[in-house]
Amino acid sequence: MKNKEVKIFFTKKLLQWNKKNERSFPWKETNDPYKIWLSEIILQQTRVEQGLPYYLKMIKLFPTVKQLSSAKEDSVLKAWQGLGYYSRARNLHTAAKYVVHELKGFFPEDYNGWLKLKGVGPYAAAAIVSFAYNLPHAVVDGNVYRVLSRYFGIDTPIDSTNGKKIFSILANELIAKKEPGRFNQAIMDFGATACKPTSPLCISCIMARNCLGLKNNLIATLPVKEKNIFIKNRFFHFVVAENEKGFLMEKRKGKDIWQGLYQFPLIETKKFLSIAKLQSHPTIKSIFKGDKSILKASETVTYMLSHQKIQARFFTFSKVKITPKNYIIKSKTNLQKMAVPKIIEDYIKKIIL
């Protein structure tokens, strides 16, 4: 079978598979660009099962782009709490304001227009215009890389400049020009449910006949990545300081994880400090007046991010006089209303409330 015929066969069989195996989700039942955009941002680096309840929550809280744009950032981050990668929420909020104020409430109707929205990259732009406007722009995400690399036997690293170019060109050659939205949904669904990272359904696969990865026993080694992920180790000492009014909290700033979320005062070091060194730390001295004895130190809590390993301990101090300079004080009740990282949320639920 010639190369062109192989590509035609792939597209035809994929759409056939989709008729019987299409997954049903609320964002598939609409061509509303707002809802499709929201779903695409939520599903970036997030499994569908985890993202679905957040999608339903966001639609309920912010049913229109105007309502999202007028919401406070803290409210948006609180709604996003637990989903991770909080820059997505901040970018979503910024883009909503841009649509409302700069575009007069109208969403772009072309690929390049969507790329101008903060947080919208090539993948999201292609997905949105194909689903909302049926424009022929192919999506290329992790599922698509895996399906194409296996089926066509491509061992070019998917995280290389050349690899990204090769797969983008191939995906756009394969896309069904009359049904681009359906094709994009089909190839993502196929990758998620049939051509899975582990234990793919090769024996019953409709694509098996021409799959080079299967023929050459390469399923386990494709796709190929060239870059090794460096994991950064970080050590957090959270200072749980309480007086009769509540707990000291601070808002995370700067270009770092959890930007815009609240936490207990934090001391970060290259390794955990001893109790003695912690008690003499400048941050502790700035918070407490007089006695600053530690009542309790928690066990180490490990929290994994994509490129970081957070090891944290919570240190509870006695109810002594505290200086709220550079901090805010929140009661137990109000702690539950604040947008906080998952690691803080879990501590609050287990220990404080």
Foldseek 3Di string as FASTA:
>chain_A
DDPLVLLQVVLVLLLVVCVVQFDDAPLLVDLPLVLLLLQVLLPDVADPVVSRVLSVQCCVQQVALVSLLPDDLFVQLQSCAPSFPCVSSVLSNVLSVCCCPVVVRDQDQALVSQCVRGPDDLQSSQQSNCSNVVAQQAHDDPLQQLVVCQQVVPADACPDPVNVVVSRVSRSSNADSRRNNSSNSSSSSCSVQALDLPPHPQVPDSSNVRGPNVVVVNSNPPHDHDDDFAEAEKEKEFEFAAAPAATWKAAADDPDTNHGFIGGDIDIDPDDDDQVCVCVDPVNVQWADDDWDWPDKADWDWDDDPRYIYTYIYTYTDHHDTDNVNTDGDHLVCVSVGNHHPVRVVCSVPPPD
